[in-house]
Amino acid sequence: MYTYKLEEDLDCGIRVAFKVFGGKWKLCILDAINKGKVRPTEIHKEIKMASLRVIEMQLAELLQYGAVIKIAEDAYPKKTEYELTPLGKSILPILIQIDQWGQLTRLLLNQRVLKRIGLPYKAASFCRGVNFNFFKYL
C-alpha cells in the first residue's frame, strides 16, 4: 500500500469514504462478495476486466480497513474466502443507489454518443416520463 509523505486530511467524510472504498474495483468486489462470490478466483470470474492480482491487492486494502474479513482454511488445497463485515455491509444501500443511477445514466450516455456520431437512437421504455433535466449538464 502507498505511504503518503504528507499527512492525510481525514476530517472530510467524502475523503474517508474514498480512502476505504475508492479504487477502480473495490465497489465491484464488495458487490461480488455480497452476491456470494467469496473466493478471489470467483470474484475474478465476475469482474473479468480486472486481473486476479489487482483483485487480490484491493481485497488486501479492504481487509486492512476492516470492510471484509479473510477466512482461510488449513486444508489442502488452501481455500481462502472473504466475508463482508458490518462496515462493508454498510455501503451496500449506497452501492444499490449508485448502480441504479449508473444504469439510468448509461442509457442516456449511449444516446448522446449515438446522436453525436449520427446514428438513430431510442429511449428505453422505463425512462419515459422521468425528468432528466439534470442530465443536460453531462
Protein backbone atom coordinates (compact mmCIF):
# COMPACT_ATOMS: atom_id res chain seq x y z
CA MET A 1 0.00 0.00 0.00
CA TYR A 2 1.23 3.51 -0.80
CA THR A 3 2.71 5.52 2.06
CA TYR A 4 1.89 9.22 1.88
CA LYS A 5 4.62 11.77 2.52
CA LEU A 6 2.12 14.41 3.62
CA GLU A 7 -0.35 13.93 6.43
CA GLU A 8 -3.78 12.99 5.15
CA ASP A 9 -6.77 15.19 5.94
CA LEU A 10 -9.46 12.77 7.10
CA ASP A 11 -11.81 15.41 8.52
CA CYS A 12 -13.95 15.22 5.36
CA GLY A 13 -16.40 12.31 5.20
CA ILE A 14 -16.05 12.02 1.43
CA ARG A 15 -12.28 11.64 1.75
CA VAL A 16 -12.73 8.94 4.39
CA ALA A 17 -15.22 7.09 2.18
CA PHE A 18 -12.88 7.25 -0.80
CA LYS A 19 -9.96 6.20 1.38
CA VAL A 20 -11.79 2.97 2.27
CA PHE A 21 -13.93 2.33 -0.81
CA GLY A 22 -12.10 4.29 -3.50
CA GLY A 23 -10.34 2.25 -6.12
CA LYS A 24 -11.27 1.07 -9.55
CA TRP A 25 -12.69 -2.31 -8.48
CA LYS A 26 -13.40 -2.12 -4.73
CA LEU A 27 -17.13 -1.47 -5.01
CA CYS A 28 -17.45 -4.20 -7.65
CA ILE A 29 -15.55 -6.57 -5.33
CA LEU A 30 -17.89 -5.76 -2.45
CA ASP A 31 -20.88 -6.32 -4.72
CA ALA A 32 -19.49 -9.67 -5.87
CA ILE A 33 -18.91 -10.80 -2.27
CA ASN A 34 -22.44 -9.74 -1.39
CA LYS A 35 -23.73 -11.87 -4.30
CA GLY A 36 -21.93 -14.92 -2.92
CA LYS A 37 -18.65 -14.82 -4.86
CA VAL A 38 -16.36 -15.17 -1.86
CA ARG A 39 -13.12 -16.57 -3.28
CA PRO A 40 -10.69 -14.39 -5.25
CA THR A 41 -10.97 -16.59 -8.35
CA GLU A 42 -14.79 -16.39 -8.23
CA ILE A 43 -14.58 -12.62 -7.90
CA HIS A 44 -12.18 -12.57 -10.87
CA LYS A 45 -14.71 -14.50 -12.97
CA GLU A 46 -17.36 -11.93 -12.00
CA ILE A 47 -15.07 -8.96 -12.81
CA LYS A 48 -13.28 -10.15 -15.94
CA MET A 49 -11.70 -6.78 -16.76
CA ALA A 50 -9.64 -6.79 -13.54
CA SER A 51 -6.65 -9.06 -13.17
CA LEU A 52 -6.56 -11.54 -10.31
CA ARG A 53 -3.54 -9.72 -8.87
CA VAL A 54 -5.40 -6.39 -8.79
CA ILE A 55 -8.40 -8.04 -7.14
CA GLU A 56 -6.13 -9.58 -4.51
CA MET A 57 -4.44 -6.22 -3.86
CA GLN A 58 -7.76 -4.43 -3.45
CA LEU A 59 -9.06 -7.24 -1.22
CA ALA A 60 -5.97 -6.71 0.96
CA GLU A 61 -6.79 -2.99 1.24
CA LEU A 62 -10.42 -3.73 2.09
CA LEU A 63 -9.16 -6.21 4.70
CA GLN A 64 -6.80 -3.60 6.16
CA TYR A 65 -9.64 -1.06 6.50
CA GLY A 66 -11.98 -3.64 8.02
CA ALA A 67 -14.55 -3.80 5.20
CA VAL A 68 -14.01 -7.55 4.74
CA ILE A 69 -12.63 -10.41 6.81
CA LYS A 70 -10.50 -13.22 5.47
CA ILE A 71 -11.37 -16.81 6.27
CA ALA A 72 -8.54 -19.23 5.45
CA GLU A 73 -8.75 -22.99 5.91
CA ASP A 74 -5.64 -25.01 6.68
CA ALA A 75 -6.75 -27.82 4.39
CA TYR A 76 -5.00 -28.77 1.17
CA PRO A 77 -5.51 -27.16 -1.27
CA LYS A 78 -5.61 -23.90 0.63
CA LYS A 79 -9.04 -22.27 0.49
CA THR A 80 -9.38 -18.55 1.18
CA GLU A 81 -12.75 -16.83 1.37
CA TYR A 82 -13.82 -13.28 2.15
CA GLU A 83 -16.88 -12.07 4.00
CA LEU A 84 -18.34 -8.59 4.44
CA THR A 85 -18.04 -7.01 7.88
CA PRO A 86 -20.68 -4.62 9.24
CA LEU A 87 -18.57 -1.79 7.76
CA GLY A 88 -18.61 -3.49 4.35
CA LYS A 89 -22.35 -4.15 4.59
CA SER A 90 -22.99 -0.51 5.48
CA ILE A 91 -22.02 0.63 1.97
CA LEU A 92 -24.46 -1.77 0.23
CA PRO A 93 -27.54 0.54 0.25
CA ILE A 94 -25.42 3.29 -1.30
CA LEU A 95 -23.97 0.79 -3.78
CA ILE A 96 -27.50 -0.14 -4.89
CA GLN A 97 -28.31 3.54 -5.48
CA ILE A 98 -25.07 4.03 -7.42
CA ASP A 99 -25.94 1.01 -9.58
CA GLN A 100 -29.45 2.35 -10.29
CA TRP A 101 -28.05 5.77 -11.17
CA GLY A 102 -25.41 4.16 -13.39
CA GLN A 103 -27.95 2.04 -15.26
CA LEU A 104 -30.10 5.08 -15.91
CA THR A 105 -27.18 7.27 -16.91
CA ARG A 106 -25.71 4.56 -19.15
CA LEU A 107 -28.77 4.72 -21.39
CA LEU A 108 -28.58 8.49 -21.64
CA LEU A 109 -24.85 8.49 -22.34
CA ASN A 110 -25.30 5.82 -25.02
CA GLN A 111 -27.95 8.03 -26.62
CA ARG A 112 -25.60 11.03 -26.58
CA VAL A 113 -22.80 9.01 -28.19
CA LEU A 114 -25.10 7.63 -30.88
CA LYS A 115 -26.52 11.09 -31.54
CA ARG A 116 -23.01 12.56 -31.77
CA ILE A 117 -21.93 10.03 -34.42
CA GLY A 118 -25.21 10.44 -36.31
CA LEU A 119 -26.90 7.08 -35.64
CA PRO A 120 -30.58 6.79 -34.63
CA TYR A 121 -31.37 6.00 -31.02
CA LYS A 122 -34.45 5.12 -28.97
CA ALA A 123 -35.17 5.90 -25.33
CA ALA A 124 -35.58 2.89 -23.10
CA SER A 125 -39.20 2.23 -22.15
CA PHE A 126 -38.59 2.59 -18.40
CA CYS A 127 -37.08 6.05 -18.96
CA ARG A 128 -40.30 7.52 -20.34
CA GLY A 129 -41.93 10.03 -18.07
CA VAL A 130 -38.82 10.57 -15.94
CA ASN A 131 -37.49 14.11 -15.60
CA PHE A 132 -33.91 14.11 -16.88
CA ASN A 133 -33.23 17.86 -16.72
CA PHE A 134 -30.13 17.37 -14.59
CA PHE A 135 -28.56 15.19 -17.32
CA LYS A 136 -28.34 18.12 -19.73
CA TYR A 137 -25.12 19.09 -17.98
CA LEU A 138 -23.37 15.78 -18.80
